[in-house]
Amino acid sequence: MYVEGRDKLQVEGWVGVVRKLRYKDFQLVTRPSALESEDGVGMEKKKEEKEKELDIGVAEVESVKEFGNHMEKRGVWNWWRKGMGYA
């Protein structure tokens, strides 16, 4: 699972709800933090440019590779790879 929010408190609240669901294999891979662009472009500008490309809401994917593609579109692919232990 991956979550974005307007601020750190919203994300931490969502993580708290998921923890209470007691998913069998739940692991918090990385702590909630402010999103930083990997390509040097400011996140606000990047969001405006890519707003139409990004899926908003809940979505299910069929594979880790497909999920990685979503992370790349969001500009957090390297962060995701590091958190998953791939890098």
PDB file of N, CA and C in Angstrom:
ATOM      1  N   MET A   1       0.834  -1.183   0.000  1.00  0.00           N
ATOM      2  CA  MET A   1       0.000   0.000   0.000  1.00  0.00           C
ATOM      3  C   MET A   1       0.878   1.245   0.000  1.00  0.00           C
ATOM      4  N   TYR A   2       0.357   2.274  -0.586  1.00  0.00           N
ATOM      5  CA  TYR A   2       1.043   3.559  -0.639  1.00  0.00           C
ATOM      6  C   TYR A   2      -0.006   4.629  -0.397  1.00  0.00           C
ATOM      7  N   VAL A   3       0.358   5.660   0.366  1.00  0.00           N
ATOM      8  CA  VAL A   3      -0.589   6.739   0.651  1.00  0.00           C
ATOM      9  C   VAL A   3       0.104   8.089   0.537  1.00  0.00           C
ATOM     10  N   GLU A   4      -0.622   9.070   0.013  1.00  0.00           N
ATOM     11  CA  GLU A   4      -0.194  10.465   0.011  1.00  0.00           C
ATOM     12  C   GLU A   4      -1.277  11.268   0.702  1.00  0.00           C
ATOM     13  N   GLY A   5      -0.892  12.336   1.369  1.00  0.00           N
ATOM     14  CA  GLY A   5      -1.855  13.210   2.011  1.00  0.00           C
ATOM     15  C   GLY A   5      -1.388  14.645   1.947  1.00  0.00           C
ATOM     16  N   ARG A   6      -2.258  15.543   2.361  1.00  0.00           N
ATOM     17  CA  ARG A   6      -1.910  16.964   2.340  1.00  0.00           C
ATOM     18  C   ARG A   6      -0.817  17.286   3.351  1.00  0.00           C
ATOM     19  N   ASP A   7      -0.764  16.522   4.436  1.00  0.00           N
ATOM     20  CA  ASP A   7       0.280  16.749   5.437  1.00  0.00           C
ATOM     21  C   ASP A   7       0.611  15.436   6.148  1.00  0.00           C
ATOM     22  N   LYS A   8       1.668  15.481   6.922  1.00  0.00           N
ATOM     23  CA  LYS A   8       2.168  14.289   7.601  1.00  0.00           C
ATOM     24  C   LYS A   8       1.130  13.707   8.567  1.00  0.00           C
ATOM     25  N   LEU A   9       0.357  14.551   9.236  1.00  0.00           N
ATOM     26  CA  LEU A   9      -0.646  14.067  10.184  1.00  0.00           C
ATOM     27  C   LEU A   9      -1.719  13.224   9.506  1.00  0.00           C
ATOM     28  N   GLN A  10      -2.149  13.616   8.314  1.00  0.00           N
ATOM     29  CA  GLN A  10      -3.135  12.815   7.584  1.00  0.00           C
ATOM     30  C   GLN A  10      -2.581  11.434   7.248  1.00  0.00           C
ATOM     31  N   VAL A  11      -1.345  11.397   6.798  1.00  0.00           N
ATOM     32  CA  VAL A  11      -0.721  10.124   6.438  1.00  0.00           C
ATOM     33  C   VAL A  11      -0.557   9.257   7.680  1.00  0.00           C
ATOM     34  N   GLU A  12      -0.087   9.841   8.780  1.00  0.00           N
ATOM     35  CA  GLU A  12       0.075   9.075  10.019  1.00  0.00           C
ATOM     36  C   GLU A  12      -1.269   8.540  10.505  1.00  0.00           C
ATOM     37  N   GLY A  13      -2.336   9.313  10.341  1.00  0.00           N
ATOM     38  CA  GLY A  13      -3.668   8.850  10.719  1.00  0.00           C
ATOM     39  C   GLY A  13      -4.090   7.639   9.909  1.00  0.00           C
ATOM     40  N   TRP A  14      -3.819   7.671   8.604  1.00  0.00           N
ATOM     41  CA  TRP A  14      -4.152   6.548   7.731  1.00  0.00           C
ATOM     42  C   TRP A  14      -3.349   5.311   8.129  1.00  0.00           C
ATOM     43  N   VAL A  15      -2.072   5.499   8.401  1.00  0.00           N
ATOM     44  CA  VAL A  15      -1.230   4.377   8.818  1.00  0.00           C
ATOM     45  C   VAL A  15      -1.773   3.775  10.118  1.00  0.00           C
ATOM     46  N   GLY A  16      -2.220   4.622  11.044  1.00  0.00           N
ATOM     47  CA  GLY A  16      -2.802   4.134  12.295  1.00  0.00           C
ATOM     48  C   GLY A  16      -4.031   3.276  12.065  1.00  0.00           C
ATOM     49  N   VAL A  17      -4.878   3.688  11.138  1.00  0.00           N
ATOM     50  CA  VAL A  17      -6.076   2.900  10.817  1.00  0.00           C
ATOM     51  C   VAL A  17      -5.682   1.544  10.248  1.00  0.00           C
ATOM     52  N   VAL A  18      -4.727   1.528   9.334  1.00  0.00           N
ATOM     53  CA  VAL A  18      -4.286   0.268   8.717  1.00  0.00           C
ATOM     54  C   VAL A  18      -3.685  -0.655   9.775  1.00  0.00           C
ATOM     55  N   ARG A  19      -2.910  -0.114  10.692  1.00  0.00           N
ATOM     56  CA  ARG A  19      -2.331  -0.935  11.772  1.00  0.00           C
ATOM     57  C   ARG A  19      -3.434  -1.613  12.590  1.00  0.00           C
ATOM     58  N   LYS A  20      -4.501  -0.880  12.869  1.00  0.00           N
ATOM     59  CA  LYS A  20      -5.596  -1.431  13.672  1.00  0.00           C
ATOM     60  C   LYS A  20      -6.350  -2.540  12.950  1.00  0.00           C
ATOM     61  N   LEU A  21      -6.247  -2.584  11.628  1.00  0.00           N
ATOM     62  CA  LEU A  21      -6.893  -3.655  10.867  1.00  0.00           C
ATOM     63  C   LEU A  21      -6.176  -4.990  11.061  1.00  0.00           C
ATOM     64  N   ARG A  22      -4.953  -4.929  11.546  1.00  0.00           N
ATOM     65  CA  ARG A  22      -4.153  -6.117  11.860  1.00  0.00           C
ATOM     66  C   ARG A  22      -3.978  -7.059  10.661  1.00  0.00           C
ATOM     67  N   TYR A  23      -3.596  -6.468   9.537  1.00  0.00           N
ATOM     68  CA  TYR A  23      -3.255  -7.298   8.387  1.00  0.00           C
ATOM     69  C   TYR A  23      -2.141  -8.243   8.777  1.00  0.00           C
ATOM     70  N   LYS A  24      -2.234  -9.481   8.363  1.00  0.00           N
ATOM     71  CA  LYS A  24      -1.279 -10.513   8.736  1.00  0.00           C
ATOM     72  C   LYS A  24       0.163 -10.141   8.387  1.00  0.00           C
ATOM     73  N   ASP A  25       0.389  -9.608   7.200  1.00  0.00           N
ATOM     74  CA  ASP A  25       1.750  -9.334   6.738  1.00  0.00           C
ATOM     75  C   ASP A  25       2.086  -7.848   6.702  1.00  0.00           C
ATOM     76  N   PHE A  26       1.362  -7.016   7.481  1.00  0.00           N
ATOM     77  CA  PHE A  26       1.600  -5.566   7.446  1.00  0.00           C
ATOM     78  C   PHE A  26       2.979  -5.222   7.977  1.00  0.00           C
ATOM     79  N   GLN A  27       3.711  -4.411   7.217  1.00  0.00           N
ATOM     80  CA  GLN A  27       4.994  -3.854   7.638  1.00  0.00           C
ATOM     81  C   GLN A  27       5.018  -2.399   7.201  1.00  0.00           C
ATOM     82  N   LEU A  28       5.463  -1.534   8.084  1.00  0.00           N
ATOM     83  CA  LEU A  28       5.650  -0.130   7.711  1.00  0.00           C
ATOM     84  C   LEU A  28       7.073  -0.022   7.181  1.00  0.00           C
ATOM     85  N   VAL A  29       7.199   0.051   5.878  1.00  0.00           N
ATOM     86  CA  VAL A  29       8.509   0.013   5.232  1.00  0.00           C
ATOM     87  C   VAL A  29       9.286   1.293   5.465  1.00  0.00           C
ATOM     88  N   THR A  30       8.621   2.433   5.343  1.00  0.00           N
ATOM     89  CA  THR A  30       9.261   3.717   5.612  1.00  0.00           C
ATOM     90  C   THR A  30       8.300   4.576   6.425  1.00  0.00           C
ATOM     91  N   ARG A  31       8.860   5.404   7.259  1.00  0.00           N
ATOM     92  CA  ARG A  31       8.055   6.294   8.097  1.00  0.00           C
ATOM     93  C   ARG A  31       7.424   7.392   7.246  1.00  0.00           C
ATOM     94  N   PRO A  32       6.241   7.866   7.627  1.00  0.00           N
ATOM     95  CA  PRO A  32       5.648   9.007   6.904  1.00  0.00           C
ATOM     96  C   PRO A  32       6.574  10.223   6.952  1.00  0.00           C
ATOM     97  N   SER A  33       6.707  10.873   5.822  1.00  0.00           N
ATOM     98  CA  SER A  33       7.552  12.063   5.745  1.00  0.00           C
ATOM     99  C   SER A  33       7.112  12.914   4.566  1.00  0.00           C
ATOM    100  N   ALA A  34       7.673  14.101   4.483  1.00  0.00           N
ATOM    101  CA  ALA A  34       7.367  15.006   3.374  1.00  0.00           C
ATOM    102  C   ALA A  34       7.918  14.419   2.079  1.00  0.00           C
ATOM    103  N   LEU A  35       7.154  14.552   1.021  1.00  0.00           N
ATOM    104  CA  LEU A  35       7.539  14.041  -0.283  1.00  0.00           C
ATOM    105  C   LEU A  35       8.543  14.979  -0.930  1.00  0.00           C
ATOM    106  N   GLU A  36       9.619  14.408  -1.439  1.00  0.00           N
ATOM    107  CA  GLU A  36      10.641  15.191  -2.129  1.00  0.00           C
ATOM    108  C   GLU A  36      10.781  14.672  -3.549  1.00  0.00           C
ATOM    109  N   SER A  37      10.916  15.590  -4.481  1.00  0.00           N
ATOM    110  CA  SER A  37      11.064  15.222  -5.880  1.00  0.00           C
ATOM    111  C   SER A  37      12.414  14.555  -6.112  1.00  0.00           C
ATOM    112  N   GLU A  38      12.412  13.540  -6.953  1.00  0.00           N
ATOM    113  CA  GLU A  38      13.657  12.852  -7.284  1.00  0.00           C
ATOM    114  C   GLU A  38      14.361  13.459  -8.488  1.00  0.00           C
ATOM    115  N   ASP A  39      13.656  14.312  -9.230  1.00  0.00           N
ATOM    116  CA  ASP A  39      14.252  14.852 -10.447  1.00  0.00           C
ATOM    117  C   ASP A  39      14.581  16.339 -10.351  1.00  0.00           C
ATOM    118  N   GLY A  40      14.512  16.914  -9.143  1.00  0.00           N
ATOM    119  CA  GLY A  40      14.876  18.308  -8.955  1.00  0.00           C
ATOM    120  C   GLY A  40      13.768  19.302  -9.248  1.00  0.00           C
ATOM    121  N   VAL A  41      12.635  18.840  -9.761  1.00  0.00           N
ATOM    122  CA  VAL A  41      11.502  19.725 -10.029  1.00  0.00           C
ATOM    123  C   VAL A  41      10.673  19.817  -8.762  1.00  0.00           C
ATOM    124  N   GLY A  42      10.245  21.014  -8.390  1.00  0.00           N
ATOM    125  CA  GLY A  42       9.430  21.183  -7.191  1.00  0.00           C
ATOM    126  C   GLY A  42       8.184  20.319  -7.239  1.00  0.00           C
ATOM    127  N   MET A  43       7.814  19.712  -6.118  1.00  0.00           N
ATOM    128  CA  MET A  43       6.683  18.796  -6.088  1.00  0.00           C
ATOM    129  C   MET A  43       5.378  19.481  -6.471  1.00  0.00           C
ATOM    130  N   GLU A  44       5.160  20.723  -6.059  1.00  0.00           N
ATOM    131  CA  GLU A  44       3.911  21.395  -6.410  1.00  0.00           C
ATOM    132  C   GLU A  44       3.802  21.579  -7.925  1.00  0.00           C
ATOM    133  N   LYS A  45       4.884  22.002  -8.553  1.00  0.00           N
ATOM    134  CA  LYS A  45       4.870  22.173 -10.006  1.00  0.00           C
ATOM    135  C   LYS A  45       4.672  20.817 -10.680  1.00  0.00           C
ATOM    136  N   LYS A  46       5.355  19.811 -10.185  1.00  0.00           N
ATOM    137  CA  LYS A  46       5.256  18.484 -10.765  1.00  0.00           C
ATOM    138  C   LYS A  46       3.825  17.951 -10.661  1.00  0.00           C
ATOM    139  N   LYS A  47       3.183  18.157  -9.512  1.00  0.00           N
ATOM    140  CA  LYS A  47       1.809  17.691  -9.337  1.00  0.00           C
ATOM    141  C   LYS A  47       0.872  18.363 -10.317  1.00  0.00           C
ATOM    142  N   GLU A  48       1.062  19.653 -10.540  1.00  0.00           N
ATOM    143  CA  GLU A  48       0.214  20.370 -11.493  1.00  0.00           C
ATOM    144  C   GLU A  48       0.386  19.802 -12.900  1.00  0.00           C
ATOM    145  N   GLU A  49       1.618  19.513 -13.282  1.00  0.00           N
ATOM    146  CA  GLU A  49       1.901  19.012 -14.623  1.00  0.00           C
ATOM    147  C   GLU A  49       1.376  17.604 -14.828  1.00  0.00           C
ATOM    148  N   LYS A  50       1.422  16.769 -13.791  1.00  0.00           N
ATOM    149  CA  LYS A  50       1.071  15.367 -13.933  1.00  0.00           C
ATOM    150  C   LYS A  50      -0.291  15.010 -13.360  1.00  0.00           C
ATOM    151  N   GLU A  51      -1.037  16.008 -12.928  1.00  0.00           N
ATOM    152  CA  GLU A  51      -2.314  15.754 -12.256  1.00  0.00           C
ATOM    153  C   GLU A  51      -3.230  14.822 -13.048  1.00  0.00           C
ATOM    154  N   LYS A  52      -3.288  14.989 -14.353  1.00  0.00           N
ATOM    155  CA  LYS A  52      -4.164  14.173 -15.181  1.00  0.00           C
ATOM    156  C   LYS A  52      -3.648  12.745 -15.335  1.00  0.00           C
ATOM    157  N   GLU A  53      -2.338  12.546 -15.194  1.00  0.00           N
ATOM    158  CA  GLU A  53      -1.751  11.219 -15.375  1.00  0.00           C
ATOM    159  C   GLU A  53      -1.880  10.338 -14.140  1.00  0.00           C
ATOM    160  N   LEU A  54      -1.958  10.935 -12.964  1.00  0.00           N
ATOM    161  CA  LEU A  54      -1.925  10.174 -11.727  1.00  0.00           C
ATOM    162  C   LEU A  54      -3.303   9.697 -11.302  1.00  0.00           C
ATOM    163  N   ASP A  55      -3.358   8.450 -10.879  1.00  0.00           N
ATOM    164  CA  ASP A  55      -4.589   7.907 -10.334  1.00  0.00           C
ATOM    165  C   ASP A  55      -4.769   8.423  -8.921  1.00  0.00           C
ATOM    166  N   ILE A  56      -5.977   8.868  -8.605  1.00  0.00           N
ATOM    167  CA  ILE A  56      -6.291   9.330  -7.263  1.00  0.00           C
ATOM    168  C   ILE A  56      -7.371   8.415  -6.721  1.00  0.00           C
ATOM    169  N   GLY A  57      -7.211   7.981  -5.490  1.00  0.00           N
ATOM    170  CA  GLY A  57      -8.182   7.083  -4.882  1.00  0.00           C
ATOM    171  C   GLY A  57      -7.565   5.727  -4.629  1.00  0.00           C
ATOM    172  N   VAL A  58      -8.403   4.759  -4.414  1.00  0.00           N
ATOM    173  CA  VAL A  58      -7.958   3.402  -4.126  1.00  0.00           C
ATOM    174  C   VAL A  58      -7.891   2.626  -5.428  1.00  0.00           C
ATOM    175  N   ALA A  59      -6.797   1.922  -5.632  1.00  0.00           N
ATOM    176  CA  ALA A  59      -6.636   1.116  -6.834  1.00  0.00           C
ATOM    177  C   ALA A  59      -5.879  -0.154  -6.486  1.00  0.00           C
ATOM    178  N   GLU A  60      -6.206  -1.233  -7.156  1.00  0.00           N
ATOM    179  CA  GLU A  60      -5.520  -2.502  -6.965  1.00  0.00           C
ATOM    180  C   GLU A  60      -4.699  -2.794  -8.211  1.00  0.00           C
ATOM    181  N   VAL A  61      -3.503  -3.323  -8.011  1.00  0.00           N
ATOM    182  CA  VAL A  61      -2.650  -3.698  -9.139  1.00  0.00           C
ATOM    183  C   VAL A  61      -2.383  -5.193  -9.073  1.00  0.00           C
ATOM    184  N   GLU A  62      -1.985  -5.756 -10.194  1.00  0.00           N
ATOM    185  CA  GLU A  62      -1.792  -7.201 -10.298  1.00  0.00           C
ATOM    186  C   GLU A  62      -0.385  -7.666  -9.931  1.00  0.00           C
ATOM    187  N   SER A  63       0.599  -6.750  -9.971  1.00  0.00           N
ATOM    188  CA  SER A  63       1.974  -7.190  -9.731  1.00  0.00           C
ATOM    189  C   SER A  63       2.793  -6.081  -9.086  1.00  0.00           C
ATOM    190  N   VAL A  64       3.926  -6.478  -8.512  1.00  0.00           N
ATOM    191  CA  VAL A  64       4.857  -5.516  -7.938  1.00  0.00           C
ATOM    192  C   VAL A  64       5.418  -4.632  -9.048  1.00  0.00           C
ATOM    193  N   LYS A  65       5.648  -5.208 -10.219  1.00  0.00           N
ATOM    194  CA  LYS A  65       6.161  -4.435 -11.350  1.00  0.00           C
ATOM    195  C   LYS A  65       5.185  -3.309 -11.722  1.00  0.00           C
ATOM    196  N   GLU A  66       3.892  -3.628 -11.771  1.00  0.00           N
ATOM    197  CA  GLU A  66       2.891  -2.618 -12.084  1.00  0.00           C
ATOM    198  C   GLU A  66       2.857  -1.531 -11.005  1.00  0.00           C
ATOM    199  N   PHE A  67       2.975  -1.948  -9.740  1.00  0.00           N
ATOM    200  CA  PHE A  67       3.003  -0.980  -8.649  1.00  0.00           C
ATOM    201  C   PHE A  67       4.228  -0.080  -8.786  1.00  0.00           C
ATOM    202  N   GLY A  68       5.368  -0.659  -9.144  1.00  0.00           N
ATOM    203  CA  GLY A  68       6.579   0.123  -9.374  1.00  0.00           C
ATOM    204  C   GLY A  68       6.385   1.157 -10.474  1.00  0.00           C
ATOM    205  N   ASN A  69       5.639   0.792 -11.513  1.00  0.00           N
ATOM    206  CA  ASN A  69       5.337   1.746 -12.585  1.00  0.00           C
ATOM    207  C   ASN A  69       4.534   2.930 -12.052  1.00  0.00           C
ATOM    208  N   HIS A  70       3.595   2.654 -11.147  1.00  0.00           N
ATOM    209  CA  HIS A  70       2.818   3.740 -10.534  1.00  0.00           C
ATOM    210  C   HIS A  70       3.725   4.646  -9.697  1.00  0.00           C
ATOM    211  N   MET A  71       4.660   4.047  -8.984  1.00  0.00           N
ATOM    212  CA  MET A  71       5.583   4.833  -8.146  1.00  0.00           C
ATOM    213  C   MET A  71       6.475   5.708  -9.027  1.00  0.00           C
ATOM    214  N   GLU A  72       6.887   5.166 -10.180  1.00  0.00           N
ATOM    215  CA  GLU A  72       7.711   5.947 -11.106  1.00  0.00           C
ATOM    216  C   GLU A  72       6.936   7.152 -11.628  1.00  0.00           C
ATOM    217  N   LYS A  73       5.661   6.966 -11.988  1.00  0.00           N
ATOM    218  CA  LYS A  73       4.829   8.076 -12.465  1.00  0.00           C
ATOM    219  C   LYS A  73       4.679   9.158 -11.397  1.00  0.00           C
ATOM    220  N   ARG A  74       4.646   8.766 -10.142  1.00  0.00           N
ATOM    221  CA  ARG A  74       4.490   9.718  -9.047  1.00  0.00           C
ATOM    222  C   ARG A  74       5.806  10.410  -8.689  1.00  0.00           C
ATOM    223  N   GLY A  75       6.900   9.959  -9.279  1.00  0.00           N
ATOM    224  CA  GLY A  75       8.193  10.585  -9.013  1.00  0.00           C
ATOM    225  C   GLY A  75       8.844  10.121  -7.731  1.00  0.00           C
ATOM    226  N   VAL A  76       8.452   8.928  -7.252  1.00  0.00           N
ATOM    227  CA  VAL A  76       9.012   8.413  -5.998  1.00  0.00           C
ATOM    228  C   VAL A  76       9.585   7.004  -6.179  1.00  0.00           C
ATOM    229  N   TRP A  77       9.963   6.666  -7.399  1.00  0.00           N
ATOM    230  CA  TRP A  77      10.424   5.320  -7.701  1.00  0.00           C
ATOM    231  C   TRP A  77      11.683   4.948  -6.915  1.00  0.00           C
ATOM    232  N   ASN A  78      12.674   5.835  -6.880  1.00  0.00           N
ATOM    233  CA  ASN A  78      13.908   5.528  -6.143  1.00  0.00           C
ATOM    234  C   ASN A  78      13.634   5.389  -4.647  1.00  0.00           C
ATOM    235  N   TRP A  79      12.773   6.255  -4.106  1.00  0.00           N
ATOM    236  CA  TRP A  79      12.389   6.161  -2.694  1.00  0.00           C
ATOM    237  C   TRP A  79      11.714   4.823  -2.420  1.00  0.00           C
ATOM    238  N   TRP A  80      10.806   4.411  -3.293  1.00  0.00           N
ATOM    239  CA  TRP A  80      10.090   3.148  -3.144  1.00  0.00           C
ATOM    240  C   TRP A  80      11.055   1.959  -3.229  1.00  0.00           C
ATOM    241  N   ARG A  81      11.958   1.980  -4.206  1.00  0.00           N
ATOM    242  CA  ARG A  81      12.935   0.880  -4.341  1.00  0.00           C
ATOM    243  C   ARG A  81      13.798   0.750  -3.094  1.00  0.00           C
ATOM    244  N   LYS A  82      14.215   1.885  -2.552  1.00  0.00           N
ATOM    245  CA  LYS A  82      15.035   1.859  -1.333  1.00  0.00           C
ATOM    246  C   LYS A  82      14.231   1.282  -0.171  1.00  0.00           C
ATOM    247  N   GLY A  83      12.989   1.750   0.007  1.00  0.00           N
ATOM    248  CA  GLY A  83      12.141   1.266   1.086  1.00  0.00           C
ATOM    249  C   GLY A  83      11.848  -0.223   0.990  1.00  0.00           C
ATOM    250  N   MET A  84      11.733  -0.741  -0.228  1.00  0.00           N
ATOM    251  CA  MET A  84      11.442  -2.158  -0.444  1.00  0.00           C
ATOM    252  C   MET A  84      12.705  -3.025  -0.359  1.00  0.00           C
ATOM    253  N   GLY A  85      13.865  -2.371  -0.265  1.00  0.00           N
ATOM    254  CA  GLY A  85      15.112  -3.134  -0.177  1.00  0.00           C
ATOM    255  C   GLY A  85      15.679  -3.528  -1.522  1.00  0.00           C
ATOM    256  N   TYR A  86      15.189  -2.934  -2.598  1.00  0.00           N
ATOM    257  CA  TYR A  86      15.684  -3.251  -3.946  1.00  0.00           C
ATOM    258  C   TYR A  86      16.928  -2.459  -4.300  1.00  0.00           C
ATOM    259  N   ALA A  87      17.174  -1.358  -3.607  1.00  0.00           N
ATOM    260  CA  ALA A  87      18.326  -0.499  -3.939  1.00  0.00           C
ATOM    261  C   ALA A  87      19.214  -0.328  -2.730  1.00  0.00           C
TER     262      ALA A  87
END
